[in-house]
Amino acid sequence: SPQTNTYVTQAFFSADGGVSLGADIFNWFYKQRTIAANRYDL
């Protein structure tokens, strides 16, 4: 049992969830220069 930490005979239902957000901060300026170079190439 999650409440008493003792074994009991019954049914249990559990649910869990999570959300994560990620961004490449260190390569931000590099990507900006790459976009500019690709724009000139176009």
PDB file of all heavy atoms in Angstrom:
ATOM      1  N   SER A   1       0.843  -1.191   0.000  1.00  0.00           N
ATOM      2  CA  SER A   1       0.000   0.000   0.000  1.00  0.00           C
ATOM      3  C   SER A   1       0.879   1.242   0.000  1.00  0.00           C
ATOM      4  O   SER A   1       1.821   1.346   0.807  1.00  0.00           O
ATOM      5  CB  SER A   1      -0.914   0.007   1.227  1.00  0.00           C
ATOM      6  OG  SER A   1      -1.603   1.243   1.305  1.00  0.00           O
ATOM      7  N   PRO A   2       0.639   2.219  -0.874  1.00  0.00           N
ATOM      8  CA  PRO A   2       1.452   3.435  -0.872  1.00  0.00           C
ATOM      9  C   PRO A   2       1.232   4.288   0.371  1.00  0.00           C
ATOM     10  O   PRO A   2       2.066   5.117   0.713  1.00  0.00           O
ATOM     11  CB  PRO A   2       0.983   4.157  -2.144  1.00  0.00           C
ATOM     12  CG  PRO A   2      -0.255   3.503  -2.591  1.00  0.00           C
ATOM     13  CD  PRO A   2      -0.340   2.178  -1.960  1.00  0.00           C
ATOM     14  N   GLN A   3       0.123   4.086   1.128  1.00  0.00           N
ATOM     15  CA  GLN A   3      -0.119   4.893   2.322  1.00  0.00           C
ATOM     16  C   GLN A   3       0.542   4.281   3.566  1.00  0.00           C
ATOM     17  O   GLN A   3       1.197   4.979   4.337  1.00  0.00           O
ATOM     18  CB  GLN A   3      -1.633   5.042   2.587  1.00  0.00           C
ATOM     19  CG  GLN A   3      -2.369   5.953   1.589  1.00  0.00           C
ATOM     20  CD  GLN A   3      -2.703   5.241   0.308  1.00  0.00           C
ATOM     21  OE1 GLN A   3      -2.665   4.005   0.247  1.00  0.00           O
ATOM     22  NE2 GLN A   3      -3.017   6.029  -0.734  1.00  0.00           N
ATOM     23  N   THR A   4       0.393   2.966   3.743  1.00  0.00           N
ATOM     24  CA  THR A   4       0.893   2.333   4.978  1.00  0.00           C
ATOM     25  C   THR A   4       2.157   1.518   4.752  1.00  0.00           C
ATOM     26  O   THR A   4       2.779   1.040   5.715  1.00  0.00           O
ATOM     27  CB  THR A   4      -0.195   1.414   5.556  1.00  0.00           C
ATOM     28  OG1 THR A   4      -0.480   0.390   4.592  1.00  0.00           O
ATOM     29  CG2 THR A   4      -1.475   2.202   5.833  1.00  0.00           C
ATOM     30  N   ASN A   5       2.514   1.317   3.504  1.00  0.00           N
ATOM     31  CA  ASN A   5       3.698   0.522   3.162  1.00  0.00           C
ATOM     32  C   ASN A   5       3.598  -0.911   3.657  1.00  0.00           C
ATOM     33  O   ASN A   5       4.599  -1.559   3.945  1.00  0.00           O
ATOM     34  CB  ASN A   5       4.981   1.169   3.692  1.00  0.00           C
ATOM     35  CG  ASN A   5       6.205   0.688   2.904  1.00  0.00           C
ATOM     36  OD1 ASN A   5       6.075   0.239   1.756  1.00  0.00           O
ATOM     37  ND2 ASN A   5       7.364   0.753   3.527  1.00  0.00           N
ATOM     38  N   THR A   6       2.374  -1.389   3.788  1.00  0.00           N
ATOM     39  CA  THR A   6       2.156  -2.779   4.173  1.00  0.00           C
ATOM     40  C   THR A   6       1.413  -3.473   3.048  1.00  0.00           C
ATOM     41  O   THR A   6       0.734  -2.828   2.231  1.00  0.00           O
ATOM     42  CB  THR A   6       1.309  -2.869   5.457  1.00  0.00           C
ATOM     43  OG1 THR A   6       0.060  -2.217   5.243  1.00  0.00           O
ATOM     44  CG2 THR A   6       2.039  -2.209   6.620  1.00  0.00           C
ATOM     45  N   TYR A   7       1.550  -4.778   3.006  1.00  0.00           N
ATOM     46  CA  TYR A   7       0.917  -5.535   1.923  1.00  0.00           C
ATOM     47  C   TYR A   7      -0.569  -5.686   2.204  1.00  0.00           C
ATOM     48  O   TYR A   7      -0.979  -6.081   3.288  1.00  0.00           O
ATOM     49  CB  TYR A   7       1.568  -6.914   1.792  1.00  0.00           C
ATOM     50  CG  TYR A   7       2.891  -6.856   1.050  1.00  0.00           C
ATOM     51  CD1 TYR A   7       4.080  -6.689   1.748  1.00  0.00           C
ATOM     52  CD2 TYR A   7       2.916  -6.973  -0.340  1.00  0.00           C
ATOM     53  CE1 TYR A   7       5.282  -6.623   1.070  1.00  0.00           C
ATOM     54  CE2 TYR A   7       4.127  -6.916  -1.008  1.00  0.00           C
ATOM     55  CZ  TYR A   7       5.314  -6.740  -0.311  1.00  0.00           C
ATOM     56  OH  TYR A   7       6.494  -6.675  -0.974  1.00  0.00           O
ATOM     57  N   VAL A   8      -1.346  -5.343   1.243  1.00  0.00           N
ATOM     58  CA  VAL A   8      -2.797  -5.489   1.327  1.00  0.00           C
ATOM     59  C   VAL A   8      -3.266  -6.122   0.022  1.00  0.00           C
ATOM     60  O   VAL A   8      -2.577  -6.092  -0.999  1.00  0.00           O
ATOM     61  CB  VAL A   8      -3.493  -4.129   1.551  1.00  0.00           C
ATOM     62  CG1 VAL A   8      -3.120  -3.552   2.909  1.00  0.00           C
ATOM     63  CG2 VAL A   8      -3.132  -3.154   0.429  1.00  0.00           C
ATOM     64  N   THR A   9      -4.476  -6.674   0.084  1.00  0.00           N
ATOM     65  CA  THR A   9      -5.043  -7.304  -1.108  1.00  0.00           C
ATOM     66  C   THR A   9      -6.119  -6.394  -1.656  1.00  0.00           C
ATOM     67  O   THR A   9      -7.217  -6.291  -1.089  1.00  0.00           O
ATOM     68  CB  THR A   9      -5.639  -8.674  -0.762  1.00  0.00           C
ATOM     69  OG1 THR A   9      -4.605  -9.511  -0.219  1.00  0.00           O
ATOM     70  CG2 THR A   9      -6.219  -9.341  -2.017  1.00  0.00           C
ATOM     71  N   GLN A  10      -5.815  -5.693  -2.693  1.00  0.00           N
ATOM     72  CA  GLN A  10      -6.763  -4.809  -3.357  1.00  0.00           C
ATOM     73  C   GLN A  10      -6.177  -4.374  -4.713  1.00  0.00           C
ATOM     74  O   GLN A  10      -5.044  -4.701  -5.032  1.00  0.00           O
ATOM     75  CB  GLN A  10      -7.093  -3.586  -2.490  1.00  0.00           C
ATOM     76  CG  GLN A  10      -5.896  -2.670  -2.273  1.00  0.00           C
ATOM     77  CD  GLN A  10      -6.271  -1.470  -1.413  1.00  0.00           C
ATOM     78  OE1 GLN A  10      -6.939  -1.634  -0.404  1.00  0.00           O
ATOM     79  NE2 GLN A  10      -5.814  -0.293  -1.820  1.00  0.00           N
ATOM     80  N   ALA A  11      -6.944  -3.611  -5.468  1.00  0.00           N
ATOM     81  CA  ALA A  11      -6.508  -3.143  -6.786  1.00  0.00           C
ATOM     82  C   ALA A  11      -5.977  -1.723  -6.675  1.00  0.00           C
ATOM     83  O   ALA A  11      -6.506  -0.913  -5.907  1.00  0.00           O
ATOM     84  CB  ALA A  11      -7.671  -3.197  -7.774  1.00  0.00           C
ATOM     85  N   PHE A  12      -4.926  -1.464  -7.432  1.00  0.00           N
ATOM     86  CA  PHE A  12      -4.314  -0.129  -7.439  1.00  0.00           C
ATOM     87  C   PHE A  12      -4.245   0.387  -8.895  1.00  0.00           C
ATOM     88  O   PHE A  12      -3.964  -0.372  -9.826  1.00  0.00           O
ATOM     89  CB  PHE A  12      -2.895  -0.168  -6.855  1.00  0.00           C
ATOM     90  CG  PHE A  12      -2.858  -0.369  -5.383  1.00  0.00           C
ATOM     91  CD1 PHE A  12      -2.649  -1.631  -4.839  1.00  0.00           C
ATOM     92  CD2 PHE A  12      -3.053   0.705  -4.527  1.00  0.00           C
ATOM     93  CE1 PHE A  12      -2.618  -1.812  -3.481  1.00  0.00           C
ATOM     94  CE2 PHE A  12      -3.019   0.520  -3.159  1.00  0.00           C
ATOM     95  CZ  PHE A  12      -2.803  -0.749  -2.620  1.00  0.00           C
ATOM     96  N   PHE A  13      -4.478   1.661  -9.076  1.00  0.00           N
ATOM     97  CA  PHE A  13      -4.325   2.332 -10.378  1.00  0.00           C
ATOM     98  C   PHE A  13      -3.362   3.498 -10.204  1.00  0.00           C
ATOM     99  O   PHE A  13      -3.517   4.298  -9.277  1.00  0.00           O
ATOM    100  CB  PHE A  13      -5.683   2.849 -10.888  1.00  0.00           C
ATOM    101  CG  PHE A  13      -5.572   3.607 -12.184  1.00  0.00           C
ATOM    102  CD1 PHE A  13      -5.459   2.927 -13.406  1.00  0.00           C
ATOM    103  CD2 PHE A  13      -5.554   4.995 -12.195  1.00  0.00           C
ATOM    104  CE1 PHE A  13      -5.358   3.617 -14.582  1.00  0.00           C
ATOM    105  CE2 PHE A  13      -5.442   5.684 -13.377  1.00  0.00           C
ATOM    106  CZ  PHE A  13      -5.345   4.996 -14.585  1.00  0.00           C
ATOM    107  N   SER A  14      -2.368   3.560 -11.068  1.00  0.00           N
ATOM    108  CA  SER A  14      -1.367   4.629 -10.982  1.00  0.00           C
ATOM    109  C   SER A  14      -1.233   5.318 -12.336  1.00  0.00           C
ATOM    110  O   SER A  14      -1.393   4.706 -13.396  1.00  0.00           O
ATOM    111  CB  SER A  14      -0.008   4.055 -10.561  1.00  0.00           C
ATOM    112  OG  SER A  14       0.462   3.112 -11.519  1.00  0.00           O
ATOM    113  N   ALA A  15      -0.966   6.610 -12.306  1.00  0.00           N
ATOM    114  CA  ALA A  15      -0.792   7.407 -13.524  1.00  0.00           C
ATOM    115  C   ALA A  15       0.324   8.418 -13.290  1.00  0.00           C
ATOM    116  O   ALA A  15       0.501   8.917 -12.173  1.00  0.00           O
ATOM    117  CB  ALA A  15      -2.089   8.104 -13.912  1.00  0.00           C
ATOM    118  N   ASP A  16       1.059   8.723 -14.366  1.00  0.00           N
ATOM    119  CA  ASP A  16       2.176   9.662 -14.281  1.00  0.00           C
ATOM    120  C   ASP A  16       2.318  10.388 -15.626  1.00  0.00           C
ATOM    121  O   ASP A  16       1.942   9.862 -16.672  1.00  0.00           O
ATOM    122  CB  ASP A  16       3.464   8.914 -13.946  1.00  0.00           C
ATOM    123  CG  ASP A  16       4.602   9.876 -13.593  1.00  0.00           C
ATOM    124  OD1 ASP A  16       4.301  11.079 -13.377  1.00  0.00           O
ATOM    125  OD2 ASP A  16       5.765   9.440 -13.575  1.00  0.00           O
ATOM    126  N   GLY A  17       2.849  11.578 -15.606  1.00  0.00           N
ATOM    127  CA  GLY A  17       3.044  12.346 -16.827  1.00  0.00           C
ATOM    128  C   GLY A  17       4.130  13.393 -16.658  1.00  0.00           C
ATOM    129  O   GLY A  17       4.520  13.726 -15.534  1.00  0.00           O
ATOM    130  N   GLY A  18       4.612  13.903 -17.803  1.00  0.00           N
ATOM    131  CA  GLY A  18       5.660  14.914 -17.740  1.00  0.00           C
ATOM    132  C   GLY A  18       5.800  15.650 -19.074  1.00  0.00           C
ATOM    133  O   GLY A  18       5.472  15.122 -20.128  1.00  0.00           O
ATOM    134  N   VAL A  19       6.274  16.867 -19.002  1.00  0.00           N
ATOM    135  CA  VAL A  19       6.522  17.703 -20.180  1.00  0.00           C
ATOM    136  C   VAL A  19       7.905  18.308 -20.063  1.00  0.00           C
ATOM    137  O   VAL A  19       8.293  18.786 -18.984  1.00  0.00           O
ATOM    138  CB  VAL A  19       5.457  18.824 -20.311  1.00  0.00           C
ATOM    139  CG1 VAL A  19       5.772  19.719 -21.504  1.00  0.00           C
ATOM    140  CG2 VAL A  19       4.064  18.241 -20.448  1.00  0.00           C
ATOM    141  N   SER A  20       8.659  18.298 -21.185  1.00  0.00           N
ATOM    142  CA  SER A  20      10.008  18.879 -21.176  1.00  0.00           C
ATOM    143  C   SER A  20      10.172  19.789 -22.383  1.00  0.00           C
ATOM    144  O   SER A  20       9.700  19.496 -23.481  1.00  0.00           O
ATOM    145  CB  SER A  20      11.073  17.774 -21.205  1.00  0.00           C
ATOM    146  OG  SER A  20      10.995  17.007 -22.397  1.00  0.00           O
ATOM    147  N   LEU A  21      10.843  20.915 -22.186  1.00  0.00           N
ATOM    148  CA  LEU A  21      11.112  21.902 -23.224  1.00  0.00           C
ATOM    149  C   LEU A  21      12.617  22.107 -23.319  1.00  0.00           C
ATOM    150  O   LEU A  21      13.272  22.359 -22.311  1.00  0.00           O
ATOM    151  CB  LEU A  21      10.394  23.217 -22.910  1.00  0.00           C
ATOM    152  CG  LEU A  21      10.590  24.350 -23.909  1.00  0.00           C
ATOM    153  CD1 LEU A  21       9.958  23.988 -25.250  1.00  0.00           C
ATOM    154  CD2 LEU A  21       9.986  25.653 -23.362  1.00  0.00           C
ATOM    155  N   GLY A  22      13.142  21.994 -24.538  1.00  0.00           N
ATOM    156  CA  GLY A  22      14.593  22.124 -24.717  1.00  0.00           C
ATOM    157  C   GLY A  22      14.936  23.090 -25.830  1.00  0.00           C
ATOM    158  O   GLY A  22      14.241  23.187 -26.828  1.00  0.00           O
ATOM    159  N   ALA A  23      16.015  23.832 -25.667  1.00  0.00           N
ATOM    160  CA  ALA A  23      16.503  24.781 -26.680  1.00  0.00           C
ATOM    161  C   ALA A  23      18.022  24.785 -26.660  1.00  0.00           C
ATOM    162  O   ALA A  23      18.641  24.699 -25.594  1.00  0.00           O
ATOM    163  CB  ALA A  23      15.960  26.182 -26.420  1.00  0.00           C
ATOM    164  N   ASP A  24      18.616  24.895 -27.869  1.00  0.00           N
ATOM    165  CA  ASP A  24      20.071  24.928 -28.001  1.00  0.00           C
ATOM    166  C   ASP A  24      20.536  26.370 -27.863  1.00  0.00           C
ATOM    167  O   ASP A  24      20.517  27.156 -28.810  1.00  0.00           O
ATOM    168  CB  ASP A  24      20.487  24.357 -29.364  1.00  0.00           C
ATOM    169  CG  ASP A  24      21.982  24.102 -29.447  1.00  0.00           C
ATOM    170  OD1 ASP A  24      22.699  24.460 -28.489  1.00  0.00           O
ATOM    171  OD2 ASP A  24      22.427  23.541 -30.477  1.00  0.00           O
ATOM    172  N   ILE A  25      20.939  26.749 -26.653  1.00  0.00           N
ATOM    173  CA  ILE A  25      21.331  28.135 -26.377  1.00  0.00           C
ATOM    174  C   ILE A  25      22.759  28.412 -26.820  1.00  0.00           C
ATOM    175  O   ILE A  25      23.069  29.475 -27.376  1.00  0.00           O
ATOM    176  CB  ILE A  25      21.162  28.445 -24.876  1.00  0.00           C
ATOM    177  CG1 ILE A  25      19.686  28.259 -24.477  1.00  0.00           C
ATOM    178  CG2 ILE A  25      21.631  29.860 -24.565  1.00  0.00           C
ATOM    179  CD1 ILE A  25      19.428  28.468 -23.008  1.00  0.00           C
ATOM    180  N   PHE A  26      23.643  27.456 -26.611  1.00  0.00           N
ATOM    181  CA  PHE A  26      25.059  27.700 -26.887  1.00  0.00           C
ATOM    182  C   PHE A  26      25.337  27.874 -28.390  1.00  0.00           C
ATOM    183  O   PHE A  26      26.247  28.603 -28.776  1.00  0.00           O
ATOM    184  CB  PHE A  26      25.893  26.552 -26.317  1.00  0.00           C
ATOM    185  CG  PHE A  26      25.841  26.460 -24.818  1.00  0.00           C
ATOM    186  CD1 PHE A  26      25.007  25.536 -24.190  1.00  0.00           C
ATOM    187  CD2 PHE A  26      26.596  27.313 -24.025  1.00  0.00           C
ATOM    188  CE1 PHE A  26      24.948  25.457 -22.823  1.00  0.00           C
ATOM    189  CE2 PHE A  26      26.544  27.233 -22.635  1.00  0.00           C
ATOM    190  CZ  PHE A  26      25.720  26.301 -22.034  1.00  0.00           C
ATOM    191  N   ASN A  27      24.556  27.200 -29.237  1.00  0.00           N
ATOM    192  CA  ASN A  27      24.764  27.293 -30.690  1.00  0.00           C
ATOM    193  C   ASN A  27      23.804  28.267 -31.365  1.00  0.00           C
ATOM    194  O   ASN A  27      23.636  28.229 -32.591  1.00  0.00           O
ATOM    195  CB  ASN A  27      24.599  25.911 -31.334  1.00  0.00           C
ATOM    196  CG  ASN A  27      25.711  24.964 -30.939  1.00  0.00           C
ATOM    197  OD1 ASN A  27      26.853  25.378 -30.726  1.00  0.00           O
ATOM    198  ND2 ASN A  27      25.379  23.683 -30.830  1.00  0.00           N
ATOM    199  N   TRP A  28      23.191  29.144 -30.602  1.00  0.00           N
ATOM    200  CA  TRP A  28      22.184  30.042 -31.160  1.00  0.00           C
ATOM    201  C   TRP A  28      22.787  30.986 -32.196  1.00  0.00           C
ATOM    202  O   TRP A  28      22.254  31.157 -33.293  1.00  0.00           O
ATOM    203  CB  TRP A  28      21.526  30.833 -30.034  1.00  0.00           C
ATOM    204  CG  TRP A  28      20.315  31.602 -30.484  1.00  0.00           C
ATOM    205  CD1 TRP A  28      19.039  31.143 -30.589  1.00  0.00           C
ATOM    206  CD2 TRP A  28      20.290  32.965 -30.900  1.00  0.00           C
ATOM    207  NE1 TRP A  28      18.210  32.130 -31.029  1.00  0.00           N
ATOM    208  CE2 TRP A  28      18.953  33.281 -31.238  1.00  0.00           C
ATOM    209  CE3 TRP A  28      21.254  33.960 -31.002  1.00  0.00           C
ATOM    210  CZ2 TRP A  28      18.565  34.535 -31.671  1.00  0.00           C
ATOM    211  CZ3 TRP A  28      20.872  35.214 -31.452  1.00  0.00           C
ATOM    212  CH2 TRP A  28      19.542  35.495 -31.782  1.00  0.00           C
ATOM    213  N   PHE A  29      23.932  31.617 -31.858  1.00  0.00           N
ATOM    214  CA  PHE A  29      24.568  32.542 -32.796  1.00  0.00           C
ATOM    215  C   PHE A  29      25.091  31.814 -34.041  1.00  0.00           C
ATOM    216  O   PHE A  29      25.045  32.340 -35.151  1.00  0.00           O
ATOM    217  CB  PHE A  29      25.709  33.299 -32.097  1.00  0.00           C
ATOM    218  CG  PHE A  29      25.231  34.269 -31.062  1.00  0.00           C
ATOM    219  CD1 PHE A  29      25.313  33.953 -29.719  1.00  0.00           C
ATOM    220  CD2 PHE A  29      24.686  35.489 -31.436  1.00  0.00           C
ATOM    221  CE1 PHE A  29      24.872  34.847 -28.758  1.00  0.00           C
ATOM    222  CE2 PHE A  29      24.245  36.386 -30.469  1.00  0.00           C
ATOM    223  CZ  PHE A  29      24.329  36.066 -29.134  1.00  0.00           C
ATOM    224  N   TYR A  30      25.578  30.607 -33.844  1.00  0.00           N
ATOM    225  CA  TYR A  30      26.051  29.812 -34.985  1.00  0.00           C
ATOM    226  C   TYR A  30      24.902  29.507 -35.942  1.00  0.00           C
ATOM    227  O   TYR A  30      25.052  29.601 -37.170  1.00  0.00           O
ATOM    228  CB  TYR A  30      26.691  28.524 -34.477  1.00  0.00           C
ATOM    229  CG  TYR A  30      27.029  27.546 -35.571  1.00  0.00           C
ATOM    230  CD1 TYR A  30      28.159  27.729 -36.370  1.00  0.00           C
ATOM    231  CD2 TYR A  30      26.203  26.449 -35.816  1.00  0.00           C
ATOM    232  CE1 TYR A  30      28.456  26.837 -37.401  1.00  0.00           C
ATOM    233  CE2 TYR A  30      26.494  25.548 -36.839  1.00  0.00           C
ATOM    234  CZ  TYR A  30      27.628  25.752 -37.620  1.00  0.00           C
ATOM    235  OH  TYR A  30      27.915  24.863 -38.627  1.00  0.00           O
ATOM    236  N   LYS A  31      23.748  29.165 -35.374  1.00  0.00           N
ATOM    237  CA  LYS A  31      22.591  28.873 -36.221  1.00  0.00           C
ATOM    238  C   LYS A  31      22.099  30.124 -36.943  1.00  0.00           C
ATOM    239  O   LYS A  31      21.649  30.052 -38.092  1.00  0.00           O
ATOM    240  CB  LYS A  31      21.469  28.263 -35.382  1.00  0.00           C
ATOM    241  CG  LYS A  31      21.777  26.857 -34.868  1.00  0.00           C
ATOM    242  CD  LYS A  31      20.602  26.268 -34.115  1.00  0.00           C
ATOM    243  CE  LYS A  31      20.896  24.833 -33.672  1.00  0.00           C
ATOM    244  NZ  LYS A  31      19.751  24.239 -32.940  1.00  0.00           N
ATOM    245  N   GLN A  32      22.195  31.273 -36.261  1.00  0.00           N
ATOM    246  CA  GLN A  32      21.796  32.516 -36.909  1.00  0.00           C
ATOM    247  C   GLN A  32      22.689  32.821 -38.108  1.00  0.00           C
ATOM    248  O   GLN A  32      22.211  33.236 -39.169  1.00  0.00           O
ATOM    249  CB  GLN A  32      21.853  33.676 -35.900  1.00  0.00           C
ATOM    250  CG  GLN A  32      20.701  33.707 -34.916  1.00  0.00           C
ATOM    251  CD  GLN A  32      19.427  34.259 -35.544  1.00  0.00           C
ATOM    252  OE1 GLN A  32      19.268  34.253 -36.753  1.00  0.00           O
ATOM    253  NE2 GLN A  32      18.505  34.722 -34.723  1.00  0.00           N
ATOM    254  N   ARG A  33      23.981  32.624 -37.964  1.00  0.00           N
ATOM    255  CA  ARG A  33      24.902  32.848 -39.084  1.00  0.00           C
ATOM    256  C   ARG A  33      24.664  31.842 -40.207  1.00  0.00           C
ATOM    257  O   ARG A  33      24.803  32.166 -41.388  1.00  0.00           O
ATOM    258  CB  ARG A  33      26.345  32.783 -38.583  1.00  0.00           C
ATOM    259  CG  ARG A  33      26.758  33.979 -37.729  1.00  0.00           C
ATOM    260  CD  ARG A  33      28.249  33.979 -37.487  1.00  0.00           C
ATOM    261  NE  ARG A  33      28.678  32.856 -36.679  1.00  0.00           N
ATOM    262  CZ  ARG A  33      28.782  32.863 -35.364  1.00  0.00           C
ATOM    263  NH1 ARG A  33      28.468  33.969 -34.695  1.00  0.00           N
ATOM    264  NH2 ARG A  33      29.190  31.808 -34.711  1.00  0.00           N
ATOM    265  N   THR A  34      24.313  30.614 -39.827  1.00  0.00           N
ATOM    266  CA  THR A  34      24.007  29.607 -40.847  1.00  0.00           C
ATOM    267  C   THR A  34      22.775  29.999 -41.648  1.00  0.00           C
ATOM    268  O   THR A  34      22.742  29.847 -42.879  1.00  0.00           O
ATOM    269  CB  THR A  34      23.778  28.238 -40.178  1.00  0.00           C
ATOM    270  OG1 THR A  34      24.965  27.859 -39.457  1.00  0.00           O
ATOM    271  CG2 THR A  34      23.473  27.179 -41.224  1.00  0.00           C
ATOM    272  N   ILE A  35      21.754  30.522 -40.959  1.00  0.00           N
ATOM    273  CA  ILE A  35      20.546  30.979 -41.649  1.00  0.00           C
ATOM    274  C   ILE A  35      20.882  32.119 -42.606  1.00  0.00           C
ATOM    275  O   ILE A  35      20.412  32.147 -43.753  1.00  0.00           O
ATOM    276  CB  ILE A  35      19.481  31.409 -40.629  1.00  0.00           C
ATOM    277  CG1 ILE A  35      18.965  30.192 -39.846  1.00  0.00           C
ATOM    278  CG2 ILE A  35      18.319  32.120 -41.328  1.00  0.00           C
ATOM    279  CD1 ILE A  35      17.999  30.543 -38.738  1.00  0.00           C
ATOM    280  N   ALA A  36      21.704  33.061 -42.162  1.00  0.00           N
ATOM    281  CA  ALA A  36      22.078  34.182 -43.028  1.00  0.00           C
ATOM    282  C   ALA A  36      22.845  33.697 -44.250  1.00  0.00           C
ATOM    283  O   ALA A  36      22.614  34.162 -45.372  1.00  0.00           O
ATOM    284  CB  ALA A  36      22.911  35.185 -42.234  1.00  0.00           C
ATOM    285  N   ALA A  37      23.766  32.751 -44.048  1.00  0.00           N
ATOM    286  CA  ALA A  37      24.537  32.211 -45.168  1.00  0.00           C
ATOM    287  C   ALA A  37      23.634  31.474 -46.150  1.00  0.00           C
ATOM    288  O   ALA A  37      23.774  31.618 -47.374  1.00  0.00           O
ATOM    289  CB  ALA A  37      25.634  31.283 -44.648  1.00  0.00           C
ATOM    290  N   ASN A  38      22.695  30.706 -45.629  1.00  0.00           N
ATOM    291  CA  ASN A  38      21.763  29.985 -46.509  1.00  0.00           C
ATOM    292  C   ASN A  38      20.836  30.940 -47.262  1.00  0.00           C
ATOM    293  O   ASN A  38      20.459  30.670 -48.405  1.00  0.00           O
ATOM    294  CB  ASN A  38      20.936  28.991 -45.698  1.00  0.00           C
ATOM    295  CG  ASN A  38      21.768  27.839 -45.152  1.00  0.00           C
ATOM    296  OD1 ASN A  38      22.827  27.519 -45.686  1.00  0.00           O
ATOM    297  ND2 ASN A  38      21.304  27.223 -44.088  1.00  0.00           N
ATOM    298  N   ARG A  39      20.499  32.062 -46.621  1.00  0.00           N
ATOM    299  CA  ARG A  39      19.660  33.056 -47.298  1.00  0.00           C
ATOM    300  C   ARG A  39      20.421  33.702 -48.465  1.00  0.00           C
ATOM    301  O   ARG A  39      19.868  33.894 -49.553  1.00  0.00           O
ATOM    302  CB  ARG A  39      19.211  34.132 -46.300  1.00  0.00           C
ATOM    303  CG  ARG A  39      18.255  35.152 -46.909  1.00  0.00           C
ATOM    304  CD  ARG A  39      17.791  36.174 -45.883  1.00  0.00           C
ATOM    305  NE  ARG A  39      16.917  35.561 -44.884  1.00  0.00           N
ATOM    306  CZ  ARG A  39      17.265  35.379 -43.610  1.00  0.00           C
ATOM    307  NH1 ARG A  39      18.469  35.733 -43.190  1.00  0.00           N
ATOM    308  NH2 ARG A  39      16.412  34.828 -42.770  1.00  0.00           N
ATOM    309  N   TYR A  40      21.695  34.022 -48.245  1.00  0.00           N
ATOM    310  CA  TYR A  40      22.512  34.572 -49.339  1.00  0.00           C
ATOM    311  C   TYR A  40      22.703  33.537 -50.457  1.00  0.00           C
ATOM    312  O   TYR A  40      22.729  33.881 -51.641  1.00  0.00           O
ATOM    313  CB  TYR A  40      23.871  35.016 -48.810  1.00  0.00           C
ATOM    314  CG  TYR A  40      23.812  36.279 -47.977  1.00  0.00           C
ATOM    315  CD1 TYR A  40      24.413  36.329 -46.732  1.00  0.00           C
ATOM    316  CD2 TYR A  40      23.150  37.416 -48.446  1.00  0.00           C
ATOM    317  CE1 TYR A  40      24.358  37.483 -45.960  1.00  0.00           C
ATOM    318  CE2 TYR A  40      23.089  38.558 -47.668  1.00  0.00           C
ATOM    319  CZ  TYR A  40      23.694  38.599 -46.438  1.00  0.00           C
ATOM    320  OH  TYR A  40      23.635  39.741 -45.685  1.00  0.00           O
ATOM    321  N   ASP A  41      22.822  32.286 -50.068  1.00  0.00           N
ATOM    322  CA  ASP A  41      22.968  31.223 -51.061  1.00  0.00           C
ATOM    323  C   ASP A  41      21.708  31.106 -51.924  1.00  0.00           C
ATOM    324  O   ASP A  41      21.790  30.891 -53.140  1.00  0.00           O
ATOM    325  CB  ASP A  41      23.266  29.901 -50.355  1.00  0.00           C
ATOM    326  CG  ASP A  41      23.601  28.791 -51.340  1.00  0.00           C
ATOM    327  OD1 ASP A  41      24.569  28.953 -52.112  1.00  0.00           O
ATOM    328  OD2 ASP A  41      22.908  27.763 -51.330  1.00  0.00           O
ATOM    329  N   LEU A  42      20.556  31.256 -51.297  1.00  0.00           N
ATOM    330  CA  LEU A  42      19.293  31.217 -52.039  1.00  0.00           C
ATOM    331  C   LEU A  42      19.200  32.395 -53.002  1.00  0.00           C
ATOM    332  O   LEU A  42      18.783  32.233 -54.159  1.00  0.00           O
ATOM    333  CB  LEU A  42      18.114  31.225 -51.060  1.00  0.00           C
ATOM    334  CG  LEU A  42      16.720  31.315 -51.693  1.00  0.00           C
ATOM    335  CD1 LEU A  42      16.469  30.151 -52.643  1.00  0.00           C
ATOM    336  CD2 LEU A  42      15.650  31.366 -50.607  1.00  0.00           C
TER     337      LEU A  42
END
